[in-house]
Amino acid sequence: KMDLKDAAGVNDIFKKNKFDMVCHLAAQAGVRYSIENPKVYIESNLN
């Protein structure tokens, strides 16, 4: 369980594991919700 907005945490999990590949599916979903909560999308989908 980890929030990918945590740069140090993400760096740590890459450091501890030698990944051969990554499939990044995590995101803040929802078209209409993005109109009401824009900052969540910037943080979750871009940062």
ModelCIF file with pLDDT and N, C-alpha, C, O atoms, coordinates in Angstrom:
data_MODEL
#
_entry.id   MODEL 
#
_entity.id                         1 
_entity.type                       polymer 
_entity.pdbx_number_of_molecules   1 
#
_entity_poly.entity_id                      1 
_entity_poly.type                           'polypeptide(L)' 
_entity_poly.nstd_linkage                   no 
_entity_poly.nstd_monomer                   no 
_entity_poly.pdbx_seq_one_letter_code       KMDLKDAAGVNDIFKKNKFDMVCHLAAQAGVRYSIENPKVYIESNLN 
_entity_poly.pdbx_seq_one_letter_code_can   KMDLKDAAGVNDIFKKNKFDMVCHLAAQAGVRYSIENPKVYIESNLN 
_entity_poly.pdbx_strand_id                 A 
#
loop_
_entity_poly_seq.entity_id 
_entity_poly_seq.num 
_entity_poly_seq.mon_id 
_entity_poly_seq.hetero 
1 1  LYS n 
1 2  MET n 
1 3  ASP n 
1 4  LEU n 
1 5  LYS n 
1 6  ASP n 
1 7  ALA n 
1 8  ALA n 
1 9  GLY n 
1 10 VAL n 
1 11 ASN n 
1 12 ASP n 
1 13 ILE n 
1 14 PHE n 
1 15 LYS n 
1 16 LYS n 
1 17 ASN n 
1 18 LYS n 
1 19 PHE n 
1 20 ASP n 
1 21 MET n 
1 22 VAL n 
1 23 CYS n 
1 24 HIS n 
1 25 LEU n 
1 26 ALA n 
1 27 ALA n 
1 28 GLN n 
1 29 ALA n 
1 30 GLY n 
1 31 VAL n 
1 32 ARG n 
1 33 TYR n 
1 34 SER n 
1 35 ILE n 
1 36 GLU n 
1 37 ASN n 
1 38 PRO n 
1 39 LYS n 
1 40 VAL n 
1 41 TYR n 
1 42 ILE n 
1 43 GLU n 
1 44 SER n 
1 45 ASN n 
1 46 LEU n 
1 47 ASN n 
#
_struct_asym.id          A 
_struct_asym.entity_id   1 
#
loop_
_ma_qa_metric.id 
_ma_qa_metric.mode 
_ma_qa_metric.name 
_ma_qa_metric.software_group_id 
_ma_qa_metric.type 
1 global pLDDT . pLDDT 
2 local  pLDDT . pLDDT 
#
_ma_qa_metric_global.metric_id      1 
_ma_qa_metric_global.metric_value   93.55 
_ma_qa_metric_global.model_id       1 
_ma_qa_metric_global.ordinal_id     1 
#
loop_
_ma_qa_metric_local.label_asym_id 
_ma_qa_metric_local.label_comp_id 
_ma_qa_metric_local.label_seq_id 
_ma_qa_metric_local.metric_id 
_ma_qa_metric_local.metric_value 
_ma_qa_metric_local.model_id 
_ma_qa_metric_local.ordinal_id 
A LYS 1  2 98.00 1 1  
A MET 2  2 97.00 1 2  
A ASP 3  2 97.00 1 3  
A LEU 4  2 97.00 1 4  
A LYS 5  2 96.00 1 5  
A ASP 6  2 97.00 1 6  
A ALA 7  2 97.00 1 7  
A ALA 8  2 97.00 1 8  
A GLY 9  2 97.00 1 9  
A VAL 10 2 98.00 1 10 
A ASN 11 2 97.00 1 11 
A ASP 12 2 97.00 1 12 
A ILE 13 2 97.00 1 13 
A PHE 14 2 98.00 1 14 
A LYS 15 2 97.00 1 15 
A LYS 16 2 96.00 1 16 
A ASN 17 2 96.00 1 17 
A LYS 18 2 92.00 1 18 
A PHE 19 2 97.00 1 19 
A ASP 20 2 97.00 1 20 
A MET 21 2 97.00 1 21 
A VAL 22 2 98.00 1 22 
A CYS 23 2 98.00 1 23 
A HIS 24 2 98.00 1 24 
A LEU 25 2 98.00 1 25 
A ALA 26 2 97.00 1 26 
A ALA 27 2 94.00 1 27 
A GLN 28 2 91.00 1 28 
A ALA 29 2 88.00 1 29 
A GLY 30 2 82.00 1 30 
A VAL 31 2 81.00 1 31 
A ARG 32 2 79.00 1 32 
A TYR 33 2 82.00 1 33 
A SER 34 2 85.00 1 34 
A ILE 35 2 83.00 1 35 
A GLU 36 2 85.00 1 36 
A ASN 37 2 87.00 1 37 
A PRO 38 2 90.00 1 38 
A LYS 39 2 92.00 1 39 
A VAL 40 2 92.00 1 40 
A TYR 41 2 94.00 1 41 
A ILE 42 2 94.00 1 42 
A GLU 43 2 94.00 1 43 
A SER 44 2 94.00 1 44 
A ASN 45 2 95.00 1 45 
A LEU 46 2 97.00 1 46 
A ASN 47 2 97.00 1 47 
#
loop_
_atom_site.group_PDB 
_atom_site.id 
_atom_site.type_symbol 
_atom_site.label_atom_id 
_atom_site.label_alt_id 
_atom_site.label_comp_id 
_atom_site.label_asym_id 
_atom_site.label_entity_id 
_atom_site.label_seq_id 
_atom_site.pdbx_PDB_ins_code 
_atom_site.Cartn_x 
_atom_site.Cartn_y 
_atom_site.Cartn_z 
_atom_site.occupancy 
_atom_site.B_iso_or_equiv 
_atom_site.pdbx_formal_charge 
_atom_site.auth_seq_id 
_atom_site.auth_comp_id 
_atom_site.auth_asym_id 
_atom_site.auth_atom_id 
_atom_site.pdbx_PDB_model_num 
ATOM 1   N N  . LYS A 1 1  ? 0.860   -1.183 0.000   1.00 98.00 ? 1  LYS A N  1 
ATOM 2   C CA . LYS A 1 1  ? 0.000   0.000  0.000   1.00 98.00 ? 1  LYS A CA 1 
ATOM 3   C C  . LYS A 1 1  ? 0.893   1.229  0.000   1.00 98.00 ? 1  LYS A C  1 
ATOM 4   O O  . LYS A 1 1  ? 1.686   1.433  0.919   1.00 98.00 ? 1  LYS A O  1 
ATOM 5   N N  . MET A 1 2  ? 0.759   2.040  -1.032  1.00 97.00 ? 2  MET A N  1 
ATOM 6   C CA . MET A 1 2  ? 1.635   3.202  -1.181  1.00 97.00 ? 2  MET A CA 1 
ATOM 7   C C  . MET A 1 2  ? 0.984   4.229  -2.092  1.00 97.00 ? 2  MET A C  1 
ATOM 8   O O  . MET A 1 2  ? 0.299   3.867  -3.048  1.00 97.00 ? 2  MET A O  1 
ATOM 9   N N  . ASP A 1 3  ? 1.189   5.488  -1.806  1.00 97.00 ? 3  ASP A N  1 
ATOM 10  C CA . ASP A 1 3  ? 0.735   6.563  -2.672  1.00 97.00 ? 3  ASP A CA 1 
ATOM 11  C C  . ASP A 1 3  ? 1.882   6.947  -3.598  1.00 97.00 ? 3  ASP A C  1 
ATOM 12  O O  . ASP A 1 3  ? 2.967   7.304  -3.140  1.00 97.00 ? 3  ASP A O  1 
ATOM 13  N N  . LEU A 1 4  ? 1.640   6.872  -4.883  1.00 97.00 ? 4  LEU A N  1 
ATOM 14  C CA . LEU A 1 4  ? 2.707   7.133  -5.852  1.00 97.00 ? 4  LEU A CA 1 
ATOM 15  C C  . LEU A 1 4  ? 3.119   8.602  -5.896  1.00 97.00 ? 4  LEU A C  1 
ATOM 16  O O  . LEU A 1 4  ? 4.107   8.950  -6.543  1.00 97.00 ? 4  LEU A O  1 
ATOM 17  N N  . LYS A 1 5  ? 2.375   9.459  -5.216  1.00 96.00 ? 5  LYS A N  1 
ATOM 18  C CA . LYS A 1 5  ? 2.799   10.859 -5.107  1.00 96.00 ? 5  LYS A CA 1 
ATOM 19  C C  . LYS A 1 5  ? 3.976   10.999 -4.154  1.00 96.00 ? 5  LYS A C  1 
ATOM 20  O O  . LYS A 1 5  ? 4.629   12.042 -4.118  1.00 96.00 ? 5  LYS A O  1 
ATOM 21  N N  . ASP A 1 6  ? 4.245   9.963  -3.390  1.00 97.00 ? 6  ASP A N  1 
ATOM 22  C CA . ASP A 1 6  ? 5.372   9.936  -2.457  1.00 97.00 ? 6  ASP A CA 1 
ATOM 23  C C  . ASP A 1 6  ? 6.647   9.585  -3.229  1.00 97.00 ? 6  ASP A C  1 
ATOM 24  O O  . ASP A 1 6  ? 6.949   8.411  -3.443  1.00 97.00 ? 6  ASP A O  1 
ATOM 25  N N  . ALA A 1 7  ? 7.382   10.606 -3.639  1.00 97.00 ? 7  ALA A N  1 
ATOM 26  C CA . ALA A 1 7  ? 8.559   10.392 -4.492  1.00 97.00 ? 7  ALA A CA 1 
ATOM 27  C C  . ALA A 1 7  ? 9.607   9.527  -3.799  1.00 97.00 ? 7  ALA A C  1 
ATOM 28  O O  . ALA A 1 7  ? 10.206  8.653  -4.425  1.00 97.00 ? 7  ALA A O  1 
ATOM 29  N N  . ALA A 1 8  ? 9.828   9.766  -2.521  1.00 97.00 ? 8  ALA A N  1 
ATOM 30  C CA . ALA A 1 8  ? 10.837  8.993  -1.788  1.00 97.00 ? 8  ALA A CA 1 
ATOM 31  C C  . ALA A 1 8  ? 10.422  7.532  -1.672  1.00 97.00 ? 8  ALA A C  1 
ATOM 32  O O  . ALA A 1 8  ? 11.252  6.633  -1.808  1.00 97.00 ? 8  ALA A O  1 
ATOM 33  N N  . GLY A 1 9  ? 9.124   7.295  -1.418  1.00 97.00 ? 9  GLY A N  1 
ATOM 34  C CA . GLY A 1 9  ? 8.622   5.931  -1.317  1.00 97.00 ? 9  GLY A CA 1 
ATOM 35  C C  . GLY A 1 9  ? 8.736   5.178  -2.631  1.00 97.00 ? 9  GLY A C  1 
ATOM 36  O O  . GLY A 1 9  ? 9.107   4.004  -2.654  1.00 97.00 ? 9  GLY A O  1 
ATOM 37  N N  . VAL A 1 10 ? 8.415   5.861  -3.729  1.00 98.00 ? 10 VAL A N  1 
ATOM 38  C CA . VAL A 1 10 ? 8.519   5.236  -5.053  1.00 98.00 ? 10 VAL A CA 1 
ATOM 39  C C  . VAL A 1 10 ? 9.979   4.917  -5.360  1.00 98.00 ? 10 VAL A C  1 
ATOM 40  O O  . VAL A 1 10 ? 10.297  3.832  -5.848  1.00 98.00 ? 10 VAL A O  1 
ATOM 41  N N  . ASN A 1 11 ? 10.859  5.868  -5.072  1.00 97.00 ? 11 ASN A N  1 
ATOM 42  C CA . ASN A 1 11 ? 12.297  5.642  -5.296  1.00 97.00 ? 11 ASN A CA 1 
ATOM 43  C C  . ASN A 1 11 ? 12.787  4.434  -4.502  1.00 97.00 ? 11 ASN A C  1 
ATOM 44  O O  . ASN A 1 11 ? 13.581  3.634  -4.997  1.00 97.00 ? 11 ASN A O  1 
ATOM 45  N N  . ASP A 1 12 ? 12.303  4.311  -3.259  1.00 97.00 ? 12 ASP A N  1 
ATOM 46  C CA . ASP A 1 12 ? 12.734  3.224  -2.385  1.00 97.00 ? 12 ASP A CA 1 
ATOM 47  C C  . ASP A 1 12 ? 12.313  1.859  -2.916  1.00 97.00 ? 12 ASP A C  1 
ATOM 48  O O  . ASP A 1 12 ? 13.081  0.899  -2.853  1.00 97.00 ? 12 ASP A O  1 
ATOM 49  N N  . ILE A 1 13 ? 11.075  1.772  -3.446  1.00 97.00 ? 13 ILE A N  1 
ATOM 50  C CA . ILE A 1 13 ? 10.607  0.472  -3.926  1.00 97.00 ? 13 ILE A CA 1 
ATOM 51  C C  . ILE A 1 13 ? 11.338  0.068  -5.205  1.00 97.00 ? 13 ILE A C  1 
ATOM 52  O O  . ILE A 1 13 ? 11.556  -1.121 -5.438  1.00 97.00 ? 13 ILE A O  1 
ATOM 53  N N  . PHE A 1 14 ? 11.718  1.039  -6.036  1.00 98.00 ? 14 PHE A N  1 
ATOM 54  C CA . PHE A 1 14 ? 12.542  0.729  -7.211  1.00 98.00 ? 14 PHE A CA 1 
ATOM 55  C C  . PHE A 1 14 ? 13.945  0.298  -6.778  1.00 98.00 ? 14 PHE A C  1 
ATOM 56  O O  . PHE A 1 14 ? 14.546  -0.598 -7.371  1.00 98.00 ? 14 PHE A O  1 
ATOM 57  N N  . LYS A 1 15 ? 14.451  0.950  -5.738  1.00 97.00 ? 15 LYS A N  1 
ATOM 58  C CA . LYS A 1 15 ? 15.799  0.638  -5.262  1.00 97.00 ? 15 LYS A CA 1 
ATOM 59  C C  . LYS A 1 15 ? 15.872  -0.776 -4.679  1.00 97.00 ? 15 LYS A C  1 
ATOM 60  O O  . LYS A 1 15 ? 16.858  -1.485 -4.883  1.00 97.00 ? 15 LYS A O  1 
ATOM 61  N N  . LYS A 1 16 ? 14.827  -1.182 -3.954  1.00 96.00 ? 16 LYS A N  1 
ATOM 62  C CA . LYS A 1 16 ? 14.823  -2.488 -3.290  1.00 96.00 ? 16 LYS A CA 1 
ATOM 63  C C  . LYS A 1 16 ? 14.512  -3.636 -4.243  1.00 96.00 ? 16 LYS A C  1 
ATOM 64  O O  . LYS A 1 16 ? 14.797  -4.793 -3.936  1.00 96.00 ? 16 LYS A O  1 
ATOM 65  N N  . ASN A 1 17 ? 13.931  -3.322 -5.396  1.00 96.00 ? 17 ASN A N  1 
ATOM 66  C CA . ASN A 1 17 ? 13.548  -4.364 -6.350  1.00 96.00 ? 17 ASN A CA 1 
ATOM 67  C C  . ASN A 1 17 ? 14.231  -4.107 -7.687  1.00 96.00 ? 17 ASN A C  1 
ATOM 68  O O  . ASN A 1 17 ? 14.342  -2.963 -8.128  1.00 96.00 ? 17 ASN A O  1 
ATOM 69  N N  . LYS A 1 18 ? 14.676  -5.153 -8.313  1.00 92.00 ? 18 LYS A N  1 
ATOM 70  C CA . LYS A 1 18 ? 15.249  -5.023 -9.650  1.00 92.00 ? 18 LYS A CA 1 
ATOM 71  C C  . LYS A 1 18 ? 14.164  -5.390 -10.656 1.00 92.00 ? 18 LYS A C  1 
ATOM 72  O O  . LYS A 1 18 ? 14.067  -6.535 -11.098 1.00 92.00 ? 18 LYS A O  1 
ATOM 73  N N  . PHE A 1 19 ? 13.348  -4.391 -11.010 1.00 97.00 ? 19 PHE A N  1 
ATOM 74  C CA . PHE A 1 19 ? 12.239  -4.651 -11.926 1.00 97.00 ? 19 PHE A CA 1 
ATOM 75  C C  . PHE A 1 19 ? 12.751  -4.764 -13.357 1.00 97.00 ? 19 PHE A C  1 
ATOM 76  O O  . PHE A 1 19 ? 13.611  -3.999 -13.794 1.00 97.00 ? 19 PHE A O  1 
ATOM 77  N N  . ASP A 1 20 ? 12.198  -5.736 -14.071 1.00 97.00 ? 20 ASP A N  1 
ATOM 78  C CA . ASP A 1 20 ? 12.501  -5.886 -15.489 1.00 97.00 ? 20 ASP A CA 1 
ATOM 79  C C  . ASP A 1 20 ? 11.532  -5.088 -16.354 1.00 97.00 ? 20 ASP A C  1 
ATOM 80  O O  . ASP A 1 20 ? 11.831  -4.751 -17.500 1.00 97.00 ? 20 ASP A O  1 
ATOM 81  N N  . MET A 1 21 ? 10.371  -4.794 -15.786 1.00 97.00 ? 21 MET A N  1 
ATOM 82  C CA . MET A 1 21 ? 9.373   -4.012 -16.510 1.00 97.00 ? 21 MET A CA 1 
ATOM 83  C C  . MET A 1 21 ? 8.375   -3.428 -15.514 1.00 97.00 ? 21 MET A C  1 
ATOM 84  O O  . MET A 1 21 ? 8.264   -3.877 -14.373 1.00 97.00 ? 21 MET A O  1 
ATOM 85  N N  . VAL A 1 22 ? 7.654   -2.414 -15.984 1.00 98.00 ? 22 VAL A N  1 
ATOM 86  C CA . VAL A 1 22 ? 6.646   -1.751 -15.163 1.00 98.00 ? 22 VAL A CA 1 
ATOM 87  C C  . VAL A 1 22 ? 5.380   -1.606 -15.988 1.00 98.00 ? 22 VAL A C  1 
ATOM 88  O O  . VAL A 1 22 ? 5.433   -1.220 -17.156 1.00 98.00 ? 22 VAL A O  1 
ATOM 89  N N  . CYS A 1 23 ? 4.230   -1.918 -15.377 1.00 98.00 ? 23 CYS A N  1 
ATOM 90  C CA . CYS A 1 23 ? 2.934   -1.643 -15.996 1.00 98.00 ? 23 CYS A CA 1 
ATOM 91  C C  . CYS A 1 23 ? 2.200   -0.670 -15.076 1.00 98.00 ? 23 CYS A C  1 
ATOM 92  O O  . CYS A 1 23 ? 1.718   -1.050 -14.009 1.00 98.00 ? 23 CYS A O  1 
ATOM 93  N N  . HIS A 1 24 ? 2.125   0.574  -15.498 1.00 98.00 ? 24 HIS A N  1 
ATOM 94  C CA . HIS A 1 24 ? 1.574   1.643  -14.665 1.00 98.00 ? 24 HIS A CA 1 
ATOM 95  C C  . HIS A 1 24 ? 0.094   1.869  -15.026 1.00 98.00 ? 24 HIS A C  1 
ATOM 96  O O  . HIS A 1 24 ? -0.229  2.503  -16.030 1.00 98.00 ? 24 HIS A O  1 
ATOM 97  N N  . LEU A 1 25 ? -0.784  1.335  -14.182 1.00 98.00 ? 25 LEU A N  1 
ATOM 98  C CA . LEU A 1 25 ? -2.222  1.450  -14.398 1.00 98.00 ? 25 LEU A CA 1 
ATOM 99  C C  . LEU A 1 25 ? -2.885  2.384  -13.403 1.00 98.00 ? 25 LEU A C  1 
ATOM 100 O O  . LEU A 1 25 ? -4.023  2.803  -13.615 1.00 98.00 ? 25 LEU A O  1 
ATOM 101 N N  . ALA A 1 26 ? -2.196  2.719  -12.321 1.00 97.00 ? 26 ALA A N  1 
ATOM 102 C CA . ALA A 1 26 ? -2.777  3.566  -11.282 1.00 97.00 ? 26 ALA A CA 1 
ATOM 103 C C  . ALA A 1 26 ? -3.030  4.973  -11.827 1.00 97.00 ? 26 ALA A C  1 
ATOM 104 O O  . ALA A 1 26 ? -2.195  5.533  -12.537 1.00 97.00 ? 26 ALA A O  1 
ATOM 105 N N  . ALA A 1 27 ? -4.185  5.533  -11.488 1.00 94.00 ? 27 ALA A N  1 
ATOM 106 C CA . ALA A 1 27 ? -4.521  6.891  -11.907 1.00 94.00 ? 27 ALA A CA 1 
ATOM 107 C C  . ALA A 1 27 ? -5.787  7.327  -11.186 1.00 94.00 ? 27 ALA A C  1 
ATOM 108 O O  . ALA A 1 27 ? -6.546  6.505  -10.672 1.00 94.00 ? 27 ALA A O  1 
ATOM 109 N N  . GLN A 1 28 ? -5.995  8.631  -11.159 1.00 91.00 ? 28 GLN A N  1 
ATOM 110 C CA . GLN A 1 28 ? -7.294  9.121  -10.711 1.00 91.00 ? 28 GLN A CA 1 
ATOM 111 C C  . GLN A 1 28 ? -8.208  9.099  -11.929 1.00 91.00 ? 28 GLN A C  1 
ATOM 112 O O  . GLN A 1 28 ? -8.008  9.847  -12.887 1.00 91.00 ? 28 GLN A O  1 
ATOM 113 N N  . ALA A 1 29 ? -9.209  8.233  -11.877 1.00 88.00 ? 29 ALA A N  1 
ATOM 114 C CA . ALA A 1 29 ? -10.104 8.054  -13.024 1.00 88.00 ? 29 ALA A CA 1 
ATOM 115 C C  . ALA A 1 29 ? -11.304 8.999  -12.922 1.00 88.00 ? 29 ALA A C  1 
ATOM 116 O O  . ALA A 1 29 ? -11.508 9.668  -11.909 1.00 88.00 ? 29 ALA A O  1 
ATOM 117 N N  . GLY A 1 30 ? -12.085 9.033  -13.995 1.00 82.00 ? 30 GLY A N  1 
ATOM 118 C CA . GLY A 1 30 ? -13.348 9.765  -13.982 1.00 82.00 ? 30 GLY A CA 1 
ATOM 119 C C  . GLY A 1 30 ? -13.274 11.104 -14.682 1.00 82.00 ? 30 GLY A C  1 
ATOM 120 O O  . GLY A 1 30 ? -12.530 11.992 -14.264 1.00 82.00 ? 30 GLY A O  1 
ATOM 121 N N  . VAL A 1 31 ? -14.053 11.251 -15.759 1.00 81.00 ? 31 VAL A N  1 
ATOM 122 C CA . VAL A 1 31 ? -14.071 12.507 -16.514 1.00 81.00 ? 31 VAL A CA 1 
ATOM 123 C C  . VAL A 1 31 ? -14.780 13.598 -15.722 1.00 81.00 ? 31 VAL A C  1 
ATOM 124 O O  . VAL A 1 31 ? -14.249 14.699 -15.577 1.00 81.00 ? 31 VAL A O  1 
ATOM 125 N N  . ARG A 1 32 ? -15.968 13.309 -15.209 1.00 79.00 ? 32 ARG A N  1 
ATOM 126 C CA . ARG A 1 32 ? -16.763 14.353 -14.545 1.00 79.00 ? 32 ARG A CA 1 
ATOM 127 C C  . ARG A 1 32 ? -16.154 14.774 -13.218 1.00 79.00 ? 32 ARG A C  1 
ATOM 128 O O  . ARG A 1 32 ? -16.222 15.946 -12.846 1.00 79.00 ? 32 ARG A O  1 
ATOM 129 N N  . TYR A 1 33 ? -15.553 13.819 -12.494 1.00 82.00 ? 33 TYR A N  1 
ATOM 130 C CA . TYR A 1 33 ? -14.936 14.124 -11.209 1.00 82.00 ? 33 TYR A CA 1 
ATOM 131 C C  . TYR A 1 33 ? -13.765 15.093 -11.391 1.00 82.00 ? 33 TYR A C  1 
ATOM 132 O O  . TYR A 1 33 ? -13.446 15.861 -10.484 1.00 82.00 ? 33 TYR A O  1 
ATOM 133 N N  . SER A 1 34 ? -13.135 15.058 -12.551 1.00 85.00 ? 34 SER A N  1 
ATOM 134 C CA . SER A 1 34 ? -11.983 15.926 -12.795 1.00 85.00 ? 34 SER A CA 1 
ATOM 135 C C  . SER A 1 34 ? -12.400 17.393 -12.896 1.00 85.00 ? 34 SER A C  1 
ATOM 136 O O  . SER A 1 34 ? -11.587 18.284 -12.651 1.00 85.00 ? 34 SER A O  1 
ATOM 137 N N  . ILE A 1 35 ? -13.650 17.646 -13.251 1.00 83.00 ? 35 ILE A N  1 
ATOM 138 C CA . ILE A 1 35 ? -14.147 19.015 -13.332 1.00 83.00 ? 35 ILE A CA 1 
ATOM 139 C C  . ILE A 1 35 ? -14.304 19.601 -11.929 1.00 83.00 ? 35 ILE A C  1 
ATOM 140 O O  . ILE A 1 35 ? -14.085 20.794 -11.716 1.00 83.00 ? 35 ILE A O  1 
ATOM 141 N N  . GLU A 1 36 ? -14.682 18.759 -10.989 1.00 85.00 ? 36 GLU A N  1 
ATOM 142 C CA . GLU A 1 36 ? -14.911 19.208 -9.612  1.00 85.00 ? 36 GLU A CA 1 
ATOM 143 C C  . GLU A 1 36 ? -13.635 19.206 -8.775  1.00 85.00 ? 36 GLU A C  1 
ATOM 144 O O  . GLU A 1 36 ? -13.518 19.988 -7.831  1.00 85.00 ? 36 GLU A O  1 
ATOM 145 N N  . ASN A 1 37 ? -12.677 18.339 -9.106  1.00 87.00 ? 37 ASN A N  1 
ATOM 146 C CA . ASN A 1 37 ? -11.475 18.155 -8.282  1.00 87.00 ? 37 ASN A CA 1 
ATOM 147 C C  . ASN A 1 37 ? -10.207 18.156 -9.133  1.00 87.00 ? 37 ASN A C  1 
ATOM 148 O O  . ASN A 1 37 ? -9.494  17.154 -9.186  1.00 87.00 ? 37 ASN A O  1 
ATOM 149 N N  . PRO A 1 38 ? -9.923  19.279 -9.799  1.00 90.00 ? 38 PRO A N  1 
ATOM 150 C CA . PRO A 1 38 ? -8.801  19.289 -10.756 1.00 90.00 ? 38 PRO A CA 1 
ATOM 151 C C  . PRO A 1 38 ? -7.443  18.988 -10.135 1.00 90.00 ? 38 PRO A C  1 
ATOM 152 O O  . PRO A 1 38 ? -6.620  18.319 -10.760 1.00 90.00 ? 38 PRO A O  1 
ATOM 153 N N  . LYS A 1 39 ? -7.191  19.466 -8.924  1.00 92.00 ? 39 LYS A N  1 
ATOM 154 C CA . LYS A 1 39 ? -5.866  19.292 -8.326  1.00 92.00 ? 39 LYS A CA 1 
ATOM 155 C C  . LYS A 1 39 ? -5.533  17.824 -8.081  1.00 92.00 ? 39 LYS A C  1 
ATOM 156 O O  . LYS A 1 39 ? -4.373  17.420 -8.169  1.00 92.00 ? 39 LYS A O  1 
ATOM 157 N N  . VAL A 1 40 ? -6.564  17.022 -7.770  1.00 92.00 ? 40 VAL A N  1 
ATOM 158 C CA . VAL A 1 40 ? -6.345  15.601 -7.541  1.00 92.00 ? 40 VAL A CA 1 
ATOM 159 C C  . VAL A 1 40 ? -5.758  14.953 -8.786  1.00 92.00 ? 40 VAL A C  1 
ATOM 160 O O  . VAL A 1 40 ? -4.920  14.057 -8.685  1.00 92.00 ? 40 VAL A O  1 
ATOM 161 N N  . TYR A 1 41 ? -6.189  15.398 -9.954  1.00 94.00 ? 41 TYR A N  1 
ATOM 162 C CA . TYR A 1 41 ? -5.734  14.810 -11.218 1.00 94.00 ? 41 TYR A CA 1 
ATOM 163 C C  . TYR A 1 41 ? -4.308  15.236 -11.547 1.00 94.00 ? 41 TYR A C  1 
ATOM 164 O O  . TYR A 1 41 ? -3.519  14.452 -12.074 1.00 94.00 ? 41 TYR A O  1 
ATOM 165 N N  . ILE A 1 42 ? -3.989  16.489 -11.227 1.00 94.00 ? 42 ILE A N  1 
ATOM 166 C CA . ILE A 1 42 ? -2.618  16.946 -11.438 1.00 94.00 ? 42 ILE A CA 1 
ATOM 167 C C  . ILE A 1 42 ? -1.664  16.123 -10.572 1.00 94.00 ? 42 ILE A C  1 
ATOM 168 O O  . ILE A 1 42 ? -0.613  15.681 -11.036 1.00 94.00 ? 42 ILE A O  1 
ATOM 169 N N  . GLU A 1 43 ? -2.046  15.926 -9.308  1.00 94.00 ? 43 GLU A N  1 
ATOM 170 C CA . GLU A 1 43 ? -1.175  15.205 -8.376  1.00 94.00 ? 43 GLU A CA 1 
ATOM 171 C C  . GLU A 1 43 ? -1.086  13.716 -8.721  1.00 94.00 ? 43 GLU A C  1 
ATOM 172 O O  . GLU A 1 43 ? 0.009   13.155 -8.770  1.00 94.00 ? 43 GLU A O  1 
ATOM 173 N N  . SER A 1 44 ? -2.245  13.071 -8.961  1.00 94.00 ? 44 SER A N  1 
ATOM 174 C CA . SER A 1 44 ? -2.273  11.618 -9.144  1.00 94.00 ? 44 SER A CA 1 
ATOM 175 C C  . SER A 1 44 ? -1.853  11.174 -10.539 1.00 94.00 ? 44 SER A C  1 
ATOM 176 O O  . SER A 1 44 ? -1.216  10.133 -10.698 1.00 94.00 ? 44 SER A O  1 
ATOM 177 N N  . ASN A 1 45 ? -2.207  11.961 -11.546 1.00 95.00 ? 45 ASN A N  1 
ATOM 178 C CA . ASN A 1 45 ? -1.967  11.519 -12.916 1.00 95.00 ? 45 ASN A CA 1 
ATOM 179 C C  . ASN A 1 45 ? -0.700  12.096 -13.536 1.00 95.00 ? 45 ASN A C  1 
ATOM 180 O O  . ASN A 1 45 ? -0.156  11.517 -14.477 1.00 95.00 ? 45 ASN A O  1 
ATOM 181 N N  . LEU A 1 46 ? -0.225  13.221 -13.026 1.00 97.00 ? 46 LEU A N  1 
ATOM 182 C CA . LEU A 1 46 ? 0.997   13.812 -13.570 1.00 97.00 ? 46 LEU A CA 1 
ATOM 183 C C  . LEU A 1 46 ? 2.172   13.678 -12.609 1.00 97.00 ? 46 LEU A C  1 
ATOM 184 O O  . LEU A 1 46 ? 3.220   13.149 -12.980 1.00 97.00 ? 46 LEU A O  1 
ATOM 185 N N  . ASN A 1 47 ? 2.005   14.151 -11.382 1.00 97.00 ? 47 ASN A N  1 
ATOM 186 C CA . ASN A 1 47 ? 3.114   14.068 -10.424 1.00 97.00 ? 47 ASN A CA 1 
ATOM 187 C C  . ASN A 1 47 ? 3.495   12.615 -10.130 1.00 97.00 ? 47 ASN A C  1 
ATOM 188 O O  . ASN A 1 47 ? 4.409   12.363 -9.345  1.00 97.00 ? 47 ASN A O  1 
#
